[in-house]
Amino acid sequence: MIECPSCKHSEFVGTLYCSECGTRLVHTALIGPGGGFIEFEGPDTNDGPPLGPGLAAGAIFGLRVMKTGDMVSLAGRDNYTLGRSAGSQAIVPDVDLDTYGAQDQGISRLHAEIRLDESGVHVVDLDSVNGTLINGKRIEPQQPHVLKNKDIVQLGHMQLQVISRIRG
């Protein structure tokens, strides 16, 4: 469960709007490993490669959808598939970008994977039809590529910005 920062009402993790007051939850903060909100305040303190699964206390990692500003939290696991859902699809991505018009933007059902390990955070294109770019440069499928804070990952035509911060 997560707590609305406006009215303190409890909602399920992944809920977009508070059912009590209507506050848009995904714009407010990222959801931390314990299910609570982690506010985005203060300056960046991590311009290097994001930390791996042994994230230091207070570390934040997520993706900002550039077109809307929405934040997608990636906390608590060491890998996430990115893509879009389809009604008859048996396998669904961990991060479903269908909410942001994924199909119209050329995102495959299982487009890419984000991996966190001891050496940092990597993106891997999963042989998607329209490819994956990092800061405007196409990456080879099935090859991990290091991501840094503020990098722009483009899946098809959708741009996502890497957000990596250490609270302190």
C-alpha atoms as a PDB file:
ATOM      1  CA  MET A   1       0.000   0.000   0.000  1.00  0.00           C
ATOM      2  CA  ILE A   2       1.032   3.617  -0.602  1.00  0.00           C
ATOM      3  CA  GLU A   3      -0.103   6.804   1.087  1.00  0.00           C
ATOM      4  CA  CYS A   4      -1.489   9.850  -0.709  1.00  0.00           C
ATOM      5  CA  PRO A   5       0.747  12.812   0.147  1.00  0.00           C
ATOM      6  CA  SER A   6      -2.272  15.158   0.194  1.00  0.00           C
ATOM      7  CA  CYS A   7      -4.880  13.382   2.325  1.00  0.00           C
ATOM      8  CA  LYS A   8      -2.871  10.392   3.682  1.00  0.00           C
ATOM      9  CA  HIS A   9      -5.428   7.889   2.297  1.00  0.00           C
ATOM     10  CA  SER A  10      -3.993   4.398   1.569  1.00  0.00           C
ATOM     11  CA  GLU A  11      -4.026   3.177  -2.032  1.00  0.00           C
ATOM     12  CA  PHE A  12      -2.658   0.108  -3.806  1.00  0.00           C
ATOM     13  CA  VAL A  13       0.829   0.435  -5.334  1.00  0.00           C
ATOM     14  CA  GLY A  14       0.518   1.565  -8.956  1.00  0.00           C
ATOM     15  CA  THR A  15      -2.699   3.552  -8.412  1.00  0.00           C
ATOM     16  CA  LEU A  16      -2.664   6.675 -10.597  1.00  0.00           C
ATOM     17  CA  TYR A  17      -5.128   8.839  -8.609  1.00  0.00           C
ATOM     18  CA  CYS A  18      -6.140   8.965  -4.945  1.00  0.00           C
ATOM     19  CA  SER A  19      -9.734   7.712  -4.630  1.00  0.00           C
ATOM     20  CA  GLU A  20     -10.400  10.122  -1.741  1.00  0.00           C
ATOM     21  CA  CYS A  21      -9.065  13.476  -2.974  1.00  0.00           C
ATOM     22  CA  GLY A  22      -8.157  12.856  -6.634  1.00  0.00           C
ATOM     23  CA  THR A  23      -4.458  13.731  -6.300  1.00  0.00           C
ATOM     24  CA  ARG A  24      -2.457  12.343  -9.225  1.00  0.00           C
ATOM     25  CA  LEU A  25      -0.053  10.004  -7.446  1.00  0.00           C
ATOM     26  CA  VAL A  26       2.445   9.279 -10.246  1.00  0.00           C
ATOM     27  CA  HIS A  27       3.372  12.967 -10.592  1.00  0.00           C
ATOM     28  CA  THR A  28       3.959  13.402  -6.900  1.00  0.00           C
ATOM     29  CA  ALA A  29       6.694  10.925  -6.146  1.00  0.00           C
ATOM     30  CA  LEU A  30       8.246   7.570  -6.802  1.00  0.00           C
ATOM     31  CA  ILE A  31       7.188   4.550  -4.793  1.00  0.00           C
ATOM     32  CA  GLY A  32      10.043   3.315  -2.658  1.00  0.00           C
ATOM     33  CA  PRO A  33      11.039  -0.270  -1.839  1.00  0.00           C
ATOM     34  CA  GLY A  34       8.882  -0.245   1.316  1.00  0.00           C
ATOM     35  CA  GLY A  35       5.809   0.918  -0.614  1.00  0.00           C
ATOM     36  CA  GLY A  36       5.955   4.510   0.678  1.00  0.00           C
ATOM     37  CA  PHE A  37       6.494   7.677  -1.336  1.00  0.00           C
ATOM     38  CA  ILE A  38       9.965   9.075  -1.970  1.00  0.00           C
ATOM     39  CA  GLU A  39       9.734  12.799  -2.723  1.00  0.00           C
ATOM     40  CA  PHE A  40      11.812  14.383  -5.487  1.00  0.00           C
ATOM     41  CA  GLU A  41      13.316  17.356  -3.681  1.00  0.00           C
ATOM     42  CA  GLY A  42      16.786  18.815  -3.663  1.00  0.00           C
ATOM     43  CA  PRO A  43      19.613  18.720  -6.195  1.00  0.00           C
ATOM     44  CA  ASP A  44      20.894  15.712  -8.096  1.00  0.00           C
ATOM     45  CA  THR A  45      23.709  14.063  -6.213  1.00  0.00           C
ATOM     46  CA  ASN A  46      24.404  11.254  -8.667  1.00  0.00           C
ATOM     47  CA  ASP A  47      25.367  12.116 -12.237  1.00  0.00           C
ATOM     48  CA  GLY A  48      27.381   8.913 -12.680  1.00  0.00           C
ATOM     49  CA  PRO A  49      26.045   5.444 -13.368  1.00  0.00           C
ATOM     50  CA  PRO A  50      23.074   4.538 -11.180  1.00  0.00           C
ATOM     51  CA  LEU A  51      23.779   2.080  -8.410  1.00  0.00           C
ATOM     52  CA  GLY A  52      22.956  -1.604  -8.743  1.00  0.00           C
ATOM     53  CA  PRO A  53      20.637  -3.740  -6.566  1.00  0.00           C
ATOM     54  CA  GLY A  54      22.696  -3.044  -3.475  1.00  0.00           C
ATOM     55  CA  LEU A  55      21.238   0.478  -3.631  1.00  0.00           C
ATOM     56  CA  ALA A  56      22.409   2.697  -0.811  1.00  0.00           C
ATOM     57  CA  ALA A  57      19.780   3.785   1.671  1.00  0.00           C
ATOM     58  CA  GLY A  58      17.774   6.601   0.122  1.00  0.00           C
ATOM     59  CA  ALA A  59      18.678   5.791  -3.498  1.00  0.00           C
ATOM     60  CA  ILE A  60      15.940   6.406  -6.084  1.00  0.00           C
ATOM     61  CA  PHE A  61      15.712   4.952  -9.561  1.00  0.00           C
ATOM     62  CA  GLY A  62      12.976   5.406 -12.123  1.00  0.00           C
ATOM     63  CA  LEU A  63      12.001   6.632 -15.569  1.00  0.00           C
ATOM     64  CA  ARG A  64      10.243   9.901 -16.474  1.00  0.00           C
ATOM     65  CA  VAL A  65       7.905   9.761 -19.483  1.00  0.00           C
ATOM     66  CA  MET A  66       9.110  12.870 -21.328  1.00  0.00           C
ATOM     67  CA  LYS A  67       5.805  13.674 -23.052  1.00  0.00           C
ATOM     68  CA  THR A  68       3.735  13.719 -19.830  1.00  0.00           C
ATOM     69  CA  GLY A  69       6.263  14.093 -17.015  1.00  0.00           C
ATOM     70  CA  ASP A  70       4.852  10.992 -15.293  1.00  0.00           C
ATOM     71  CA  MET A  71       7.303   9.012 -13.175  1.00  0.00           C
ATOM     72  CA  VAL A  72       7.630   5.232 -13.395  1.00  0.00           C
ATOM     73  CA  SER A  73       9.279   3.802 -10.289  1.00  0.00           C
ATOM     74  CA  LEU A  74      11.734   0.952 -10.662  1.00  0.00           C
ATOM     75  CA  ALA A  75      12.376  -0.050  -7.072  1.00  0.00           C
ATOM     76  CA  GLY A  76      12.720  -3.351  -5.297  1.00  0.00           C
ATOM     77  CA  ARG A  77      13.812  -5.632  -8.145  1.00  0.00           C
ATOM     78  CA  ASP A  78      16.855  -6.136 -10.349  1.00  0.00           C
ATOM     79  CA  ASN A  79      15.171  -6.342 -13.764  1.00  0.00           C
ATOM     80  CA  TYR A  80      12.088  -4.974 -15.517  1.00  0.00           C
ATOM     81  CA  THR A  81      10.668  -5.597 -18.977  1.00  0.00           C
ATOM     82  CA  LEU A  82       9.279  -2.534 -20.769  1.00  0.00           C
ATOM     83  CA  GLY A  83       6.575  -2.772 -23.414  1.00  0.00           C
ATOM     84  CA  ARG A  84       2.835  -2.702 -23.973  1.00  0.00           C
ATOM     85  CA  SER A  85       0.023  -5.068 -23.148  1.00  0.00           C
ATOM     86  CA  ALA A  86      -2.354  -6.651 -25.620  1.00  0.00           C
ATOM     87  CA  GLY A  87      -5.677  -8.298 -24.829  1.00  0.00           C
ATOM     88  CA  SER A  88      -4.699 -11.797 -25.935  1.00  0.00           C
ATOM     89  CA  GLN A  89      -1.049 -11.598 -24.903  1.00  0.00           C
ATOM     90  CA  ALA A  90      -0.014 -14.294 -22.421  1.00  0.00           C
ATOM     91  CA  ILE A  91       3.149 -12.517 -21.311  1.00  0.00           C
ATOM     92  CA  VAL A  92       2.811  -8.922 -20.117  1.00  0.00           C
ATOM     93  CA  PRO A  93       5.662  -6.471 -19.505  1.00  0.00           C
ATOM     94  CA  ASP A  94       6.579  -5.458 -15.963  1.00  0.00           C
ATOM     95  CA  VAL A  95       6.221  -1.820 -17.025  1.00  0.00           C
ATOM     96  CA  ASP A  96       3.175  -1.453 -19.281  1.00  0.00           C
ATOM     97  CA  LEU A  97       3.553   1.743 -21.318  1.00  0.00           C
ATOM     98  CA  ASP A  98       0.162   1.323 -22.995  1.00  0.00           C
ATOM     99  CA  THR A  99      -1.180   4.135 -20.772  1.00  0.00           C
ATOM    100  CA  TYR A 100       1.077   6.520 -22.714  1.00  0.00           C
ATOM    101  CA  GLY A 101       0.011   5.438 -26.212  1.00  0.00           C
ATOM    102  CA  ALA A 102       2.721   2.811 -26.619  1.00  0.00           C
ATOM    103  CA  GLN A 103       1.249   1.127 -29.688  1.00  0.00           C
ATOM    104  CA  ASP A 104       0.938   4.425 -31.586  1.00  0.00           C
ATOM    105  CA  GLN A 105       4.546   5.217 -30.685  1.00  0.00           C
ATOM    106  CA  GLY A 106       5.935   1.963 -32.083  1.00  0.00           C
ATOM    107  CA  ILE A 107       6.647   0.124 -28.847  1.00  0.00           C
ATOM    108  CA  SER A 108       6.786  -3.656 -29.077  1.00  0.00           C
ATOM    109  CA  ARG A 109       4.933  -5.886 -26.607  1.00  0.00           C
ATOM    110  CA  LEU A 110       8.240  -6.833 -24.987  1.00  0.00           C
ATOM    111  CA  HIS A 111      10.458  -3.999 -26.205  1.00  0.00           C
ATOM    112  CA  ALA A 112      13.375  -3.682 -23.771  1.00  0.00           C
ATOM    113  CA  GLU A 113      14.635  -4.720 -20.359  1.00  0.00           C
ATOM    114  CA  ILE A 114      16.185  -2.629 -17.589  1.00  0.00           C
ATOM    115  CA  ARG A 115      18.758  -4.565 -15.545  1.00  0.00           C
ATOM    116  CA  LEU A 116      20.330  -3.480 -12.265  1.00  0.00           C
ATOM    117  CA  ASP A 117      23.512  -5.200 -11.131  1.00  0.00           C
ATOM    118  CA  GLU A 118      26.751  -4.473  -9.288  1.00  0.00           C
ATOM    119  CA  SER A 119      28.179  -2.577 -12.264  1.00  0.00           C
ATOM    120  CA  GLY A 120      25.178  -0.235 -12.627  1.00  0.00           C
ATOM    121  CA  VAL A 121      21.958   0.027 -14.604  1.00  0.00           C
ATOM    122  CA  HIS A 122      21.705  -1.286 -18.163  1.00  0.00           C
ATOM    123  CA  VAL A 123      19.097  -1.332 -20.910  1.00  0.00           C
ATOM    124  CA  VAL A 124      18.797  -4.239 -23.353  1.00  0.00           C
ATOM    125  CA  ASP A 125      16.721  -4.073 -26.539  1.00  0.00           C
ATOM    126  CA  LEU A 126      14.718  -7.317 -26.832  1.00  0.00           C
ATOM    127  CA  ASP A 127      14.819  -7.483 -30.655  1.00  0.00           C
ATOM    128  CA  SER A 128      12.060  -4.860 -30.874  1.00  0.00           C
ATOM    129  CA  VAL A 129      10.682  -3.896 -34.279  1.00  0.00           C
ATOM    130  CA  ASN A 130      11.433  -0.143 -33.974  1.00  0.00           C
ATOM    131  CA  GLY A 131      14.579  -0.346 -31.867  1.00  0.00           C
ATOM    132  CA  THR A 132      15.919   1.341 -28.748  1.00  0.00           C
ATOM    133  CA  LEU A 133      18.077   4.466 -28.643  1.00  0.00           C
ATOM    134  CA  ILE A 134      20.152   5.987 -25.839  1.00  0.00           C
ATOM    135  CA  ASN A 135      20.643   9.737 -26.220  1.00  0.00           C
ATOM    136  CA  GLY A 136      19.741   9.472 -29.911  1.00  0.00           C
ATOM    137  CA  LYS A 137      22.061   6.544 -30.743  1.00  0.00           C
ATOM    138  CA  ARG A 138      20.575   3.180 -31.693  1.00  0.00           C
ATOM    139  CA  ILE A 139      21.766   0.237 -29.604  1.00  0.00           C
ATOM    140  CA  GLU A 140      22.320  -3.316 -30.770  1.00  0.00           C
ATOM    141  CA  PRO A 141      19.642  -5.850 -29.750  1.00  0.00           C
ATOM    142  CA  GLN A 142      20.431  -8.250 -26.911  1.00  0.00           C
ATOM    143  CA  GLN A 143      23.484  -6.208 -25.816  1.00  0.00           C
ATOM    144  CA  PRO A 144      23.393  -4.449 -22.418  1.00  0.00           C
ATOM    145  CA  HIS A 145      24.175  -0.722 -22.502  1.00  0.00           C
ATOM    146  CA  VAL A 146      24.999   1.321 -19.397  1.00  0.00           C
ATOM    147  CA  LEU A 147      22.565   4.067 -18.369  1.00  0.00           C
ATOM    148  CA  LYS A 148      23.459   7.204 -16.419  1.00  0.00           C
ATOM    149  CA  ASN A 149      21.315   9.755 -14.636  1.00  0.00           C
ATOM    150  CA  LYS A 150      19.479  12.020 -17.136  1.00  0.00           C
ATOM    151  CA  ASP A 151      20.080   9.705 -20.148  1.00  0.00           C
ATOM    152  CA  ILE A 152      17.190   9.613 -22.631  1.00  0.00           C
ATOM    153  CA  VAL A 153      16.072   6.095 -23.562  1.00  0.00           C
ATOM    154  CA  GLN A 154      13.869   6.029 -26.642  1.00  0.00           C
ATOM    155  CA  LEU A 155      11.638   3.016 -27.272  1.00  0.00           C
ATOM    156  CA  GLY A 156      10.158   3.385 -30.755  1.00  0.00           C
ATOM    157  CA  HIS A 157       9.149   7.069 -30.638  1.00  0.00           C
ATOM    158  CA  MET A 158       8.599   7.282 -26.859  1.00  0.00           C
ATOM    159  CA  GLN A 159      11.290   9.035 -24.832  1.00  0.00           C
ATOM    160  CA  LEU A 160      11.987   8.139 -21.204  1.00  0.00           C
ATOM    161  CA  GLN A 161      14.524   9.933 -19.019  1.00  0.00           C
ATOM    162  CA  VAL A 162      16.578   7.999 -16.480  1.00  0.00           C
ATOM    163  CA  ILE A 163      16.195   9.438 -12.975  1.00  0.00           C
ATOM    164  CA  SER A 164      18.767   8.317 -10.414  1.00  0.00           C
ATOM    165  CA  ARG A 165      19.209  10.215  -7.165  1.00  0.00           C
ATOM    166  CA  ILE A 166      20.606   9.590  -3.742  1.00  0.00           C
ATOM    167  CA  ARG A 167      18.792  11.236  -0.880  1.00  0.00           C
ATOM    168  CA  GLY A 168      21.056  12.505   1.791  1.00  0.00           C
END
